[in-house]
C-alpha atoms as a PDB file:
ATOM      1  CA  MET A   1     -31.967  -1.720  40.872  1.00  0.00           C
ATOM      2  CA  VAL A   2     -30.290   1.569  40.785  1.00  0.00           C
ATOM      3  CA  ASP A   3     -31.403   3.957  43.177  1.00  0.00           C
ATOM      4  CA  MET A   4     -33.075   7.034  41.341  1.00  0.00           C
ATOM      5  CA  LYS A   5     -32.557   9.128  44.073  1.00  0.00           C
ATOM      6  CA  THR A   6     -28.821   9.031  44.106  1.00  0.00           C
ATOM      7  CA  GLU A   7     -28.400   8.182  40.458  1.00  0.00           C
ATOM      8  CA  PRO A   8     -31.075  10.476  38.574  1.00  0.00           C
ATOM      9  CA  VAL A   9     -29.335  10.690  35.503  1.00  0.00           C
ATOM     10  CA  ASN A  10     -27.230   9.019  32.648  1.00  0.00           C
ATOM     11  CA  ARG A  11     -24.469  11.383  31.610  1.00  0.00           C
ATOM     12  CA  GLN A  12     -23.563  11.122  27.935  1.00  0.00           C
ATOM     13  CA  TYR A  13     -21.664  12.157  25.113  1.00  0.00           C
ATOM     14  CA  LEU A  14     -23.170  11.983  21.755  1.00  0.00           C
ATOM     15  CA  LEU A  15     -21.842  12.233  18.332  1.00  0.00           C
ATOM     16  CA  ALA A  16     -22.894  15.641  17.218  1.00  0.00           C
ATOM     17  CA  LYS A  17     -21.137  15.548  13.873  1.00  0.00           C
ATOM     18  CA  ARG A  18     -18.614  14.123  11.797  1.00  0.00           C
ATOM     19  CA  PRO A  19     -15.234  15.983  11.732  1.00  0.00           C
ATOM     20  CA  ALA A  20     -14.221  17.430   8.518  1.00  0.00           C
ATOM     21  CA  GLY A  21     -10.360  17.212   9.541  1.00  0.00           C
ATOM     22  CA  ALA A  22      -8.943  17.519  12.945  1.00  0.00           C
ATOM     23  CA  LEU A  23     -11.381  16.178  16.082  1.00  0.00           C
ATOM     24  CA  GLN A  24     -13.002  19.129  17.684  1.00  0.00           C
ATOM     25  CA  GLU A  25     -14.645  19.102  21.455  1.00  0.00           C
ATOM     26  CA  SER A  26     -17.935  20.684  19.508  1.00  0.00           C
ATOM     27  CA  ASP A  27     -18.199  17.200  17.599  1.00  0.00           C
ATOM     28  CA  PHE A  28     -19.674  15.851  20.689  1.00  0.00           C
ATOM     29  CA  SER A  29     -22.693  16.982  22.369  1.00  0.00           C
ATOM     30  CA  TRP A  30     -23.405  16.525  26.310  1.00  0.00           C
ATOM     31  CA  THR A  31     -26.892  15.134  27.541  1.00  0.00           C
ATOM     32  CA  GLU A  32     -28.626  13.766  30.666  1.00  0.00           C
ATOM     33  CA  SER A  33     -31.017  11.350  30.385  1.00  0.00           C
ATOM     34  CA  PRO A  34     -32.918   9.216  32.842  1.00  0.00           C
ATOM     35  CA  THR A  35     -30.974   6.163  33.835  1.00  0.00           C
ATOM     36  CA  PRO A  36     -31.854   3.203  31.969  1.00  0.00           C
ATOM     37  CA  GLN A  37     -33.570   0.020  33.469  1.00  0.00           C
ATOM     38  CA  PRO A  38     -32.762  -3.354  32.242  1.00  0.00           C
ATOM     39  CA  ARG A  39     -35.336  -5.771  30.595  1.00  0.00           C
ATOM     40  CA  LEU A  40     -35.603  -9.398  30.650  1.00  0.00           C
ATOM     41  CA  GLY A  41     -32.303 -10.871  29.624  1.00  0.00           C
ATOM     42  CA  GLU A  42     -30.360  -7.670  30.053  1.00  0.00           C
ATOM     43  CA  ALA A  43     -27.797  -6.152  32.797  1.00  0.00           C
ATOM     44  CA  LEU A  44     -27.109  -2.544  33.607  1.00  0.00           C
ATOM     45  CA  VAL A  45     -23.516  -1.757  34.062  1.00  0.00           C
ATOM     46  CA  ARG A  46     -22.361   1.564  35.805  1.00  0.00           C
ATOM     47  CA  SER A  47     -19.129   2.775  33.885  1.00  0.00           C
ATOM     48  CA  LEU A  48     -15.913   2.948  36.245  1.00  0.00           C
ATOM     49  CA  TYR A  49     -13.048   3.251  33.744  1.00  0.00           C
ATOM     50  CA  LEU A  50     -13.444   4.307  30.128  1.00  0.00           C
ATOM     51  CA  SER A  51     -10.492   3.542  27.650  1.00  0.00           C
ATOM     52  CA  LEU A  52      -9.210   6.281  25.220  1.00  0.00           C
ATOM     53  CA  ASP A  53      -7.661   4.831  22.156  1.00  0.00           C
ATOM     54  CA  PRO A  54      -6.454   6.265  18.600  1.00  0.00           C
ATOM     55  CA  ALA A  55      -9.102   3.764  16.949  1.00  0.00           C
ATOM     56  CA  ASN A  56     -11.914   5.991  18.634  1.00  0.00           C
ATOM     57  CA  ARG A  57     -11.046   8.530  15.977  1.00  0.00           C
ATOM     58  CA  GLY A  58     -11.523   6.087  13.305  1.00  0.00           C
ATOM     59  CA  TRP A  59     -14.984   4.951  14.607  1.00  0.00           C
ATOM     60  CA  ILE A  60     -16.421   8.459  13.949  1.00  0.00           C
ATOM     61  CA  ASN A  61     -15.896   8.545  10.245  1.00  0.00           C
ATOM     62  CA  ASP A  62     -19.031   7.310   8.165  1.00  0.00           C
ATOM     63  CA  VAL A  63     -16.977   4.426   7.042  1.00  0.00           C
ATOM     64  CA  PRO A  64     -17.453   0.790   8.231  1.00  0.00           C
ATOM     65  CA  THR A  65     -14.265  -0.757   9.746  1.00  0.00           C
ATOM     66  CA  TYR A  66     -14.407  -3.852  12.007  1.00  0.00           C
ATOM     67  CA  ARG A  67     -17.161  -2.151  13.460  1.00  0.00           C
ATOM     68  CA  PRO A  68     -20.225  -0.081  12.337  1.00  0.00           C
ATOM     69  CA  PRO A  69     -19.348   3.688  12.466  1.00  0.00           C
ATOM     70  CA  VAL A  70     -20.817   5.532  15.396  1.00  0.00           C
ATOM     71  CA  GLY A  71     -24.007   6.991  14.450  1.00  0.00           C
ATOM     72  CA  LEU A  72     -24.896  10.720  14.735  1.00  0.00           C
ATOM     73  CA  GLY A  73     -26.892  11.342  17.923  1.00  0.00           C
ATOM     74  CA  GLU A  74     -25.619   8.069  19.412  1.00  0.00           C
ATOM     75  CA  PRO A  75     -23.478   7.554  22.572  1.00  0.00           C
ATOM     76  CA  MET A  76     -20.006   7.632  21.546  1.00  0.00           C
ATOM     77  CA  ALA A  77     -18.356   4.326  21.513  1.00  0.00           C
ATOM     78  CA  GLY A  78     -15.608   3.138  24.052  1.00  0.00           C
ATOM     79  CA  PHE A  79     -14.254   0.307  25.870  1.00  0.00           C
ATOM     80  CA  VAL A  80     -15.149   0.116  29.466  1.00  0.00           C
ATOM     81  CA  ILE A  81     -14.648  -1.583  32.864  1.00  0.00           C
ATOM     82  CA  GLY A  82     -17.728  -1.249  34.912  1.00  0.00           C
ATOM     83  CA  GLN A  83     -19.971  -2.843  37.751  1.00  0.00           C
ATOM     84  CA  VAL A  84     -23.304  -4.621  37.017  1.00  0.00           C
ATOM     85  CA  VAL A  85     -25.821  -2.632  39.292  1.00  0.00           C
ATOM     86  CA  ALA A  86     -28.945  -4.281  38.188  1.00  0.00           C
ATOM     87  CA  SER A  87     -29.410  -7.743  36.397  1.00  0.00           C
ATOM     88  CA  ASN A  88     -31.947  -9.636  34.661  1.00  0.00           C
ATOM     89  CA  ARG A  89     -29.231 -12.057  33.018  1.00  0.00           C
ATOM     90  CA  ASP A  90     -28.366 -15.318  34.514  1.00  0.00           C
ATOM     91  CA  ASP A  91     -24.842 -15.005  33.998  1.00  0.00           C
ATOM     92  CA  LEU A  92     -24.389 -11.680  35.534  1.00  0.00           C
ATOM     93  CA  ALA A  93     -24.916 -10.527  39.191  1.00  0.00           C
ATOM     94  CA  VAL A  94     -25.247  -7.318  40.747  1.00  0.00           C
ATOM     95  CA  GLY A  95     -21.522  -6.368  42.067  1.00  0.00           C
ATOM     96  CA  ASP A  96     -19.930  -8.497  39.174  1.00  0.00           C
ATOM     97  CA  MET A  97     -17.040  -6.324  37.364  1.00  0.00           C
ATOM     98  CA  VAL A  98     -16.913  -6.639  33.792  1.00  0.00           C
ATOM     99  CA  GLU A  99     -15.475  -5.063  30.510  1.00  0.00           C
ATOM    100  CA  GLY A 100     -17.052  -4.527  27.201  1.00  0.00           C
ATOM    101  CA  ASP A 101     -18.027  -1.718  24.934  1.00  0.00           C
ATOM    102  CA  GLY A 102     -20.068   0.730  27.203  1.00  0.00           C
ATOM    103  CA  GLY A 103     -19.504   3.856  25.457  1.00  0.00           C
ATOM    104  CA  TRP A 104     -18.943   7.297  26.866  1.00  0.00           C
ATOM    105  CA  GLN A 105     -21.743   7.257  29.480  1.00  0.00           C
ATOM    106  CA  ASP A 106     -22.421   6.479  33.027  1.00  0.00           C
ATOM    107  CA  PHE A 107     -24.584   3.598  32.330  1.00  0.00           C
ATOM    108  CA  ALA A 108     -25.056   0.795  29.728  1.00  0.00           C
ATOM    109  CA  VAL A 109     -27.638  -1.887  29.285  1.00  0.00           C
ATOM    110  CA  HIS A 110     -25.948  -5.158  27.926  1.00  0.00           C
ATOM    111  CA  GLY A 111     -28.249  -7.644  26.299  1.00  0.00           C
ATOM    112  CA  PRO A 112     -27.495 -11.363  25.904  1.00  0.00           C
ATOM    113  CA  ASP A 113     -25.625 -10.814  22.805  1.00  0.00           C
ATOM    114  CA  SER A 114     -23.426  -7.964  23.997  1.00  0.00           C
ATOM    115  CA  ARG A 115     -19.490  -8.596  24.049  1.00  0.00           C
ATOM    116  CA  VAL A 116     -19.233  -8.129  27.850  1.00  0.00           C
ATOM    117  CA  TYR A 117     -16.688 -10.155  29.796  1.00  0.00           C
ATOM    118  CA  LYS A 118     -16.818 -11.055  33.819  1.00  0.00           C
ATOM    119  CA  LEU A 119     -13.733 -10.196  35.718  1.00  0.00           C
ATOM    120  CA  PRO A 120     -12.327 -12.215  38.453  1.00  0.00           C
ATOM    121  CA  PRO A 121     -13.094 -10.802  42.107  1.00  0.00           C
ATOM    122  CA  GLY A 122     -10.498  -8.661  43.285  1.00  0.00           C
ATOM    123  CA  ASP A 123      -8.921  -7.928  39.954  1.00  0.00           C
ATOM    124  CA  ASP A 124      -6.777  -4.854  39.451  1.00  0.00           C
ATOM    125  CA  LEU A 125      -9.062  -2.722  37.368  1.00  0.00           C
ATOM    126  CA  VAL A 126      -6.327  -0.217  36.156  1.00  0.00           C
ATOM    127  CA  ALA A 127      -4.081  -3.167  35.198  1.00  0.00           C
ATOM    128  CA  ARG A 128      -7.077  -4.956  33.343  1.00  0.00           C
ATOM    129  CA  MET A 129      -7.670  -1.679  31.309  1.00  0.00           C
ATOM    130  CA  SER A 130      -3.694  -1.323  30.430  1.00  0.00           C
ATOM    131  CA  VAL A 131      -1.318  -3.931  30.416  1.00  0.00           C
ATOM    132  CA  ARG A 132      -3.716  -6.840  30.878  1.00  0.00           C
ATOM    133  CA  GLY A 133      -6.436  -5.580  28.806  1.00  0.00           C
ATOM    134  CA  VAL A 134      -7.063  -4.724  25.130  1.00  0.00           C
ATOM    135  CA  THR A 135      -3.962  -2.574  25.354  1.00  0.00           C
ATOM    136  CA  GLY A 136      -1.791  -5.469  26.492  1.00  0.00           C
ATOM    137  CA  LEU A 137      -3.698  -8.255  24.464  1.00  0.00           C
ATOM    138  CA  THR A 138      -3.024  -5.983  21.254  1.00  0.00           C
ATOM    139  CA  ALA A 139       0.651  -5.693  22.052  1.00  0.00           C
ATOM    140  CA  TYR A 140       0.991  -9.537  22.936  1.00  0.00           C
ATOM    141  CA  TRP A 141      -0.701 -10.926  19.678  1.00  0.00           C
ATOM    142  CA  GLY A 142       0.314  -8.279  17.316  1.00  0.00           C
ATOM    143  CA  LEU A 143       4.172  -8.983  18.392  1.00  0.00           C
ATOM    144  CA  LEU A 144       4.122 -12.680  19.140  1.00  0.00           C
ATOM    145  CA  ASP A 145       1.335 -14.162  16.465  1.00  0.00           C
ATOM    146  CA  ILE A 146       1.813 -11.800  13.807  1.00  0.00           C
ATOM    147  CA  ALA A 147       5.567 -11.058  13.854  1.00  0.00           C
ATOM    148  CA  ALA A 148       6.971 -13.875  15.528  1.00  0.00           C
ATOM    149  CA  PRO A 149      10.141 -12.465  16.669  1.00  0.00           C
ATOM    150  CA  LYS A 150      13.346 -14.645  17.245  1.00  0.00           C
ATOM    151  CA  ALA A 151      16.042 -13.958  19.967  1.00  0.00           C
ATOM    152  CA  GLY A 152      18.706 -11.651  18.489  1.00  0.00           C
ATOM    153  CA  GLU A 153      16.377 -10.121  15.777  1.00  0.00           C
ATOM    154  CA  THR A 154      15.940  -6.207  15.645  1.00  0.00           C
ATOM    155  CA  VAL A 155      12.622  -4.893  16.644  1.00  0.00           C
ATOM    156  CA  LEU A 156      11.477  -1.357  15.559  1.00  0.00           C
ATOM    157  CA  VAL A 157       8.445   0.062  17.582  1.00  0.00           C
ATOM    158  CA  SER A 158       6.825   3.144  16.575  1.00  0.00           C
ATOM    159  CA  ALA A 159       4.655   5.437  19.044  1.00  0.00           C
ATOM    160  CA  ALA A 160       6.897   3.536  21.464  1.00  0.00           C
ATOM    161  CA  ALA A 161       5.815   5.447  24.470  1.00  0.00           C
ATOM    162  CA  GLY A 162       2.146   5.038  24.058  1.00  0.00           C
ATOM    163  CA  ALA A 163      -0.056   2.409  25.610  1.00  0.00           C
ATOM    164  CA  VAL A 164       0.589  -0.471  22.977  1.00  0.00           C
ATOM    165  CA  GLY A 165       3.943   0.311  21.872  1.00  0.00           C
ATOM    166  CA  SER A 166       5.598   0.498  25.175  1.00  0.00           C
ATOM    167  CA  ILE A 167       4.305  -3.133  25.986  1.00  0.00           C
ATOM    168  CA  VAL A 168       5.378  -4.328  22.480  1.00  0.00           C
ATOM    169  CA  GLY A 169       9.047  -3.136  23.133  1.00  0.00           C
ATOM    170  CA  GLN A 170       9.214  -4.699  26.682  1.00  0.00           C
ATOM    171  CA  ILE A 171       7.750  -8.183  25.273  1.00  0.00           C
ATOM    172  CA  ALA A 172      10.400  -8.035  22.411  1.00  0.00           C
ATOM    173  CA  LYS A 173      13.142  -7.577  25.147  1.00  0.00           C
ATOM    174  CA  ILE A 174      11.533 -10.458  26.831  1.00  0.00           C
ATOM    175  CA  LYS A 175      12.057 -12.658  24.060  1.00  0.00           C
ATOM    176  CA  GLY A 176      15.670 -11.693  23.710  1.00  0.00           C
ATOM    177  CA  CYS A 177      15.484  -8.856  20.612  1.00  0.00           C
ATOM    178  CA  HIS A 178      17.197  -5.750  20.010  1.00  0.00           C
ATOM    179  CA  VAL A 179      14.727  -3.217  20.476  1.00  0.00           C
ATOM    180  CA  VAL A 180      14.448   0.392  19.226  1.00  0.00           C
ATOM    181  CA  GLY A 181      11.533   2.873  19.913  1.00  0.00           C
ATOM    182  CA  ILE A 182      10.283   5.878  18.011  1.00  0.00           C
ATOM    183  CA  ALA A 183       8.568   8.560  20.165  1.00  0.00           C
ATOM    184  CA  GLY A 184       7.908  12.604  19.895  1.00  0.00           C
ATOM    185  CA  THR A 185      10.008  13.955  22.672  1.00  0.00           C
ATOM    186  CA  ASP A 186      13.116  13.484  24.541  1.00  0.00           C
ATOM    187  CA  GLU A 187      11.375  12.791  27.767  1.00  0.00           C
ATOM    188  CA  LYS A 188       9.638   9.826  26.234  1.00  0.00           C
ATOM    189  CA  CYS A 189      12.859   8.464  24.663  1.00  0.00           C
ATOM    190  CA  GLN A 190      14.556   8.638  27.843  1.00  0.00           C
ATOM    191  CA  TRP A 191      11.635   6.824  29.669  1.00  0.00           C
ATOM    192  CA  ILE A 192      11.513   4.034  27.394  1.00  0.00           C
ATOM    193  CA  VAL A 193      15.283   3.531  27.353  1.00  0.00           C
ATOM    194  CA  ASP A 194      15.841   4.014  31.114  1.00  0.00           C
ATOM    195  CA  GLU A 195      12.584   2.679  32.518  1.00  0.00           C
ATOM    196  CA  LEU A 196      11.522   0.012  30.061  1.00  0.00           C
ATOM    197  CA  GLY A 197      14.887  -1.336  28.772  1.00  0.00           C
ATOM    198  CA  PHE A 198      14.556  -0.544  25.047  1.00  0.00           C
ATOM    199  CA  ASP A 199      17.957  -0.514  23.709  1.00  0.00           C
ATOM    200  CA  SER A 200      17.748   2.955  21.985  1.00  0.00           C
ATOM    201  CA  ALA A 201      15.247   5.416  20.913  1.00  0.00           C
ATOM    202  CA  ILE A 202      14.515   7.969  18.179  1.00  0.00           C
ATOM    203  CA  ASN A 203      12.779  11.306  18.658  1.00  0.00           C
ATOM    204  CA  TYR A 204      11.003  11.492  15.295  1.00  0.00           C
ATOM    205  CA  LYS A 205      10.340  15.346  15.675  1.00  0.00           C
ATOM    206  CA  LYS A 206      14.162  16.100  15.969  1.00  0.00           C
ATOM    207  CA  GLU A 207      15.897  13.685  13.989  1.00  0.00           C
ATOM    208  CA  ASN A 208      15.658  12.319  10.097  1.00  0.00           C
ATOM    209  CA  VAL A 209      14.040   8.977  10.920  1.00  0.00           C
ATOM    210  CA  LEU A 210      15.628   7.130   7.973  1.00  0.00           C
ATOM    211  CA  LYS A 211      19.163   8.286   8.755  1.00  0.00           C
ATOM    212  CA  ALA A 212      18.840   7.534  12.560  1.00  0.00           C
ATOM    213  CA  LEU A 213      17.505   4.021  11.646  1.00  0.00           C
ATOM    214  CA  GLY A 214      20.967   3.412   9.753  1.00  0.00           C
ATOM    215  CA  GLN A 215      22.464   4.384  13.090  1.00  0.00           C
ATOM    216  CA  HIS A 216      20.186   2.689  15.563  1.00  0.00           C
ATOM    217  CA  CYS A 217      19.498  -0.632  13.346  1.00  0.00           C
ATOM    218  CA  PRO A 218      22.832  -0.988  11.944  1.00  0.00           C
ATOM    219  CA  ARG A 219      21.927  -4.757  11.078  1.00  0.00           C
ATOM    220  CA  GLY A 220      18.639  -3.846   9.521  1.00  0.00           C
ATOM    221  CA  ILE A 221      15.110  -4.300  10.786  1.00  0.00           C
ATOM    222  CA  ASP A 222      13.537  -7.693  11.364  1.00  0.00           C
ATOM    223  CA  VAL A 223      10.399  -6.661  12.749  1.00  0.00           C
ATOM    224  CA  TYR A 224       8.538  -3.303  12.511  1.00  0.00           C
ATOM    225  CA  PHE A 225       5.376  -2.853  14.615  1.00  0.00           C
ATOM    226  CA  ASP A 226       3.740   0.102  13.206  1.00  0.00           C
ATOM    227  CA  ASN A 227       1.260   2.379  15.344  1.00  0.00           C
ATOM    228  CA  VAL A 228       1.564   5.470  13.014  1.00  0.00           C
ATOM    229  CA  GLY A 229       1.779   4.785   9.350  1.00  0.00           C
ATOM    230  CA  GLY A 230       2.917   7.888   7.254  1.00  0.00           C
ATOM    231  CA  ASP A 231       6.573   8.741   6.686  1.00  0.00           C
ATOM    232  CA  ILE A 232       7.780   6.713   9.680  1.00  0.00           C
ATOM    233  CA  LEU A 233       6.388   3.490   8.180  1.00  0.00           C
ATOM    234  CA  GLN A 234       7.924   4.687   4.745  1.00  0.00           C
ATOM    235  CA  ALA A 235      11.314   5.071   6.456  1.00  0.00           C
ATOM    236  CA  ALA A 236      11.051   1.662   8.203  1.00  0.00           C
ATOM    237  CA  LEU A 237      10.181  -0.041   5.001  1.00  0.00           C
ATOM    238  CA  PHE A 238      13.452   0.891   3.174  1.00  0.00           C
ATOM    239  CA  ARG A 239      15.459  -0.562   6.399  1.00  0.00           C
ATOM    240  CA  MET A 240      13.710  -3.804   6.355  1.00  0.00           C
ATOM    241  CA  ASN A 241      15.713  -6.958   6.251  1.00  0.00           C
ATOM    242  CA  GLN A 242      14.873  -9.831   3.766  1.00  0.00           C
ATOM    243  CA  GLY A 243      12.075 -11.838   5.447  1.00  0.00           C
ATOM    244  CA  GLY A 244      11.127  -9.241   7.631  1.00  0.00           C
ATOM    245  CA  ARG A 245       7.716  -8.679   9.274  1.00  0.00           C
ATOM    246  CA  MET A 246       5.713  -5.641   9.401  1.00  0.00           C
ATOM    247  CA  VAL A 247       2.653  -5.555  12.112  1.00  0.00           C
ATOM    248  CA  CYS A 248      -0.028  -3.143  11.163  1.00  0.00           C
ATOM    249  CA  CYS A 249      -1.721  -2.121  14.217  1.00  0.00           C
ATOM    250  CA  GLY A 250      -2.557   1.521  13.847  1.00  0.00           C
ATOM    251  CA  VAL A 251      -2.072   4.703  11.780  1.00  0.00           C
ATOM    252  CA  VAL A 252      -2.466   7.553  14.244  1.00  0.00           C
ATOM    253  CA  SER A 253      -0.664   9.907  12.034  1.00  0.00           C
ATOM    254  CA  GLN A 254      -3.337   9.576   9.474  1.00  0.00           C
ATOM    255  CA  TYR A 255      -6.591   9.277  11.668  1.00  0.00           C
ATOM    256  CA  ASP A 256      -6.988  13.094  12.574  1.00  0.00           C
ATOM    257  CA  THR A 257      -6.452  14.938   9.283  1.00  0.00           C
ATOM    258  CA  ALA A 258      -8.586  15.780   6.071  1.00  0.00           C
ATOM    259  CA  THR A 259      -5.023  15.273   4.175  1.00  0.00           C
ATOM    260  CA  PRO A 260      -3.577  12.013   4.952  1.00  0.00           C
ATOM    261  CA  ALA A 261      -0.264  11.404   3.510  1.00  0.00           C
ATOM    262  CA  PRO A 262       0.118   9.383   0.394  1.00  0.00           C
ATOM    263  CA  GLY A 263       2.214   6.236   0.348  1.00  0.00           C
ATOM    264  CA  PRO A 264       4.272   4.432   1.640  1.00  0.00           C
ATOM    265  CA  HIS A 265       6.251   4.457  -1.837  1.00  0.00           C
ATOM    266  CA  GLY A 266       8.003   1.195  -2.679  1.00  0.00           C
ATOM    267  CA  LEU A 267       5.111  -1.296  -2.608  1.00  0.00           C
ATOM    268  CA  PRO A 268       4.579  -3.916  -3.827  1.00  0.00           C
ATOM    269  CA  GLY A 269       8.205  -3.742  -5.036  1.00  0.00           C
ATOM    270  CA  LEU A 270      10.164  -3.840  -1.787  1.00  0.00           C
ATOM    271  CA  LEU A 271       7.672  -6.685  -0.445  1.00  0.00           C
ATOM    272  CA  VAL A 272       8.489  -8.794  -3.505  1.00  0.00           C
ATOM    273  CA  VAL A 273      12.330  -8.236  -3.553  1.00  0.00           C
ATOM    274  CA  ARG A 274      13.073  -8.574   0.093  1.00  0.00           C
ATOM    275  CA  ARG A 275      10.179 -11.205   0.831  1.00  0.00           C
ATOM    276  CA  LEU A 276       8.444  -8.964   3.411  1.00  0.00           C
ATOM    277  CA  ARG A 277       5.168  -9.825   5.188  1.00  0.00           C
ATOM    278  CA  MET A 278       2.892  -6.768   6.015  1.00  0.00           C
ATOM    279  CA  GLU A 279      -0.234  -7.795   7.981  1.00  0.00           C
ATOM    280  CA  GLY A 280      -2.832  -6.210   9.921  1.00  0.00           C
ATOM    281  CA  PHE A 281      -5.090  -7.690  13.003  1.00  0.00           C
ATOM    282  CA  ILE A 282      -7.797  -7.176  15.210  1.00  0.00           C
ATOM    283  CA  VAL A 283      -7.534  -7.996  18.878  1.00  0.00           C
ATOM    284  CA  MET A 284     -11.077  -9.740  19.115  1.00  0.00           C
ATOM    285  CA  ASP A 285      -9.899 -12.167  16.476  1.00  0.00           C
ATOM    286  CA  TYR A 286      -7.955 -13.897  19.541  1.00  0.00           C
ATOM    287  CA  ASP A 287     -10.999 -13.977  22.000  1.00  0.00           C
ATOM    288  CA  ASN A 288     -10.771 -17.856  22.375  1.00  0.00           C
ATOM    289  CA  ARG A 289      -7.083 -17.336  23.715  1.00  0.00           C
ATOM    290  CA  ARG A 290      -7.636 -14.557  26.328  1.00  0.00           C
ATOM    291  CA  GLU A 291      -6.765 -16.658  29.107  1.00  0.00           C
ATOM    292  CA  GLN A 292      -3.603 -17.975  27.823  1.00  0.00           C
ATOM    293  CA  ALA A 293      -2.331 -14.329  26.949  1.00  0.00           C
ATOM    294  CA  ASP A 294      -3.780 -12.742  30.405  1.00  0.00           C
ATOM    295  CA  ALA A 295      -1.658 -15.651  32.441  1.00  0.00           C
ATOM    296  CA  GLU A 296       1.509 -14.835  30.569  1.00  0.00           C
ATOM    297  CA  LEU A 297       1.011 -10.935  30.692  1.00  0.00           C
ATOM    298  CA  ALA A 298       0.159 -11.247  34.557  1.00  0.00           C
ATOM    299  CA  GLY A 299       3.150 -13.443  35.190  1.00  0.00           C
ATOM    300  CA  TRP A 300       5.623 -10.771  33.427  1.00  0.00           C
ATOM    301  CA  VAL A 301       3.959  -7.966  35.575  1.00  0.00           C
ATOM    302  CA  ALA A 302       4.514  -9.860  38.627  1.00  0.00           C
ATOM    303  CA  ASP A 303       8.061 -10.823  38.290  1.00  0.00           C
ATOM    304  CA  GLY A 304       8.790  -7.108  37.058  1.00  0.00           C
ATOM    305  CA  SER A 305       9.832  -7.725  33.616  1.00  0.00           C
ATOM    306  CA  LEU A 306       6.780  -5.926  32.316  1.00  0.00           C
ATOM    307  CA  LYS A 307       6.083  -2.453  33.394  1.00  0.00           C
ATOM    308  CA  TYR A 308       3.263  -0.098  32.730  1.00  0.00           C
ATOM    309  CA  LYS A 309       2.351   3.532  33.240  1.00  0.00           C
ATOM    310  CA  VAL A 310      -1.191   4.802  33.208  1.00  0.00           C
ATOM    311  CA  ASP A 311      -2.482   8.574  32.431  1.00  0.00           C
ATOM    312  CA  ILE A 312      -5.749   8.683  34.450  1.00  0.00           C
ATOM    313  CA  ILE A 313      -8.001  11.575  33.972  1.00  0.00           C
ATOM    314  CA  ASP A 314     -10.773  12.182  36.393  1.00  0.00           C
ATOM    315  CA  GLY A 315     -14.301  13.042  34.873  1.00  0.00           C
ATOM    316  CA  LEU A 316     -16.432  11.902  31.978  1.00  0.00           C
ATOM    317  CA  GLU A 317     -16.722  15.408  30.959  1.00  0.00           C
ATOM    318  CA  HIS A 318     -13.116  15.475  29.790  1.00  0.00           C
ATOM    319  CA  ALA A 319     -13.369  12.723  27.446  1.00  0.00           C
ATOM    320  CA  PRO A 320     -13.423  14.866  24.197  1.00  0.00           C
ATOM    321  CA  LYS A 321     -10.437  16.889  25.230  1.00  0.00           C
ATOM    322  CA  ALA A 322      -8.734  13.908  26.406  1.00  0.00           C
ATOM    323  CA  LEU A 323      -8.854  11.966  23.324  1.00  0.00           C
ATOM    324  CA  ILE A 324      -7.922  14.885  21.080  1.00  0.00           C
ATOM    325  CA  GLY A 325      -4.798  15.173  23.395  1.00  0.00           C
ATOM    326  CA  LEU A 326      -4.100  11.488  22.859  1.00  0.00           C
ATOM    327  CA  LEU A 327      -4.238  11.848  18.987  1.00  0.00           C
ATOM    328  CA  HIS A 328      -1.563  14.697  19.461  1.00  0.00           C
ATOM    329  CA  GLY A 329       0.742  12.555  21.602  1.00  0.00           C
ATOM    330  CA  GLU A 330      -0.025  14.030  24.900  1.00  0.00           C
ATOM    331  CA  ASN A 331       0.123  10.832  26.953  1.00  0.00           C
ATOM    332  CA  THR A 332       2.878   8.672  28.184  1.00  0.00           C
ATOM    333  CA  GLY A 333       1.427   5.205  28.666  1.00  0.00           C
ATOM    334  CA  LYS A 334      -2.373   4.121  28.792  1.00  0.00           C
ATOM    335  CA  ARG A 335      -4.798   7.093  28.846  1.00  0.00           C
ATOM    336  CA  MET A 336      -8.087   6.358  30.589  1.00  0.00           C
ATOM    337  CA  ILE A 337     -10.844   8.197  32.152  1.00  0.00           C
ATOM    338  CA  ARG A 338     -12.027   7.579  35.698  1.00  0.00           C
ATOM    339  CA  VAL A 339     -15.824   7.891  35.121  1.00  0.00           C
ATOM    340  CA  SER A 340     -17.137   6.997  38.477  1.00  0.00           C
ATOM    341  CA  GLY A 341     -15.862   8.485  41.837  1.00  0.00           C
ATOM    342  CA  ASP A 342     -16.356   5.158  43.242  1.00  0.00           C
ATOM    343  CA  ALA A 343     -13.463   3.903  41.304  1.00  0.00           C
ATOM    344  CA  ARG A 344      -9.832   3.844  42.897  1.00  0.00           C
ATOM    345  CA  ALA A 345      -6.603   3.434  40.939  1.00  0.00           C
END
């Protein structure tokens, strides 16, 4: 069991109120309570790394998505890699490393119905939270299953310097595609081209995206991997080739505002005329194929064809500010919180 002398409290961020517009640090409240103890059939997991993702913002709204909304006064939800520190479950032993929905807290109790997965001994935890975790799996299945790109096709990726987008573009290059990324700074554009191998990049804050797409995608767009929605989705839609596929992964431009942009215009007309397919997905839909995807992702990382960058922030106390920064494009690559000082990158 957890030694209460060394672990006296469970630090948590609770959802204090639902934002009426842009997310504020004051929407969360910090609390410290006794460390919970597992009952029969439960295990206690100490959080080591906490994933920060644009989808976190959607979970705060009082609208069910693919999961129930976070309740007021409840710990903020979040994907966690942690270590089992006490267990009354037959399938989990003290010392096991696991990943699952642990929330913004030091400790979480997982019962028999919790979606928690045991990791192999000696696994690289930072890689598991980024390129080989939910982030990498989202890129992998969204691109390869939904879009099924063919060699020689043009693939456009928005939020291309972010956690998912940076991996999507590299997988598309591995598959022989011409890849164009959209990002929000010159530094990010240079990174995805010089370091990740994208063919070109567009700075949407400086360039007219619709016009720039005509220059960077002269043969049109066959696959658009959409992480942002809004005006960029609108621009991509009008440059899509006949038979093009649009993968809807996220709408970060719409999450953190009280006045989301309307659109896109041209639907369903363009979908019909150009025989386009626009499809969304949830990474959990592919849980039964995790091992297959992980093996391929790990192989690409090992041979150097798939690179990844992490943005690690130390301290659970920084989670609200770090999420707000993520929603405003501060990060390059995967942003995460190192919750425990015992975790090592």
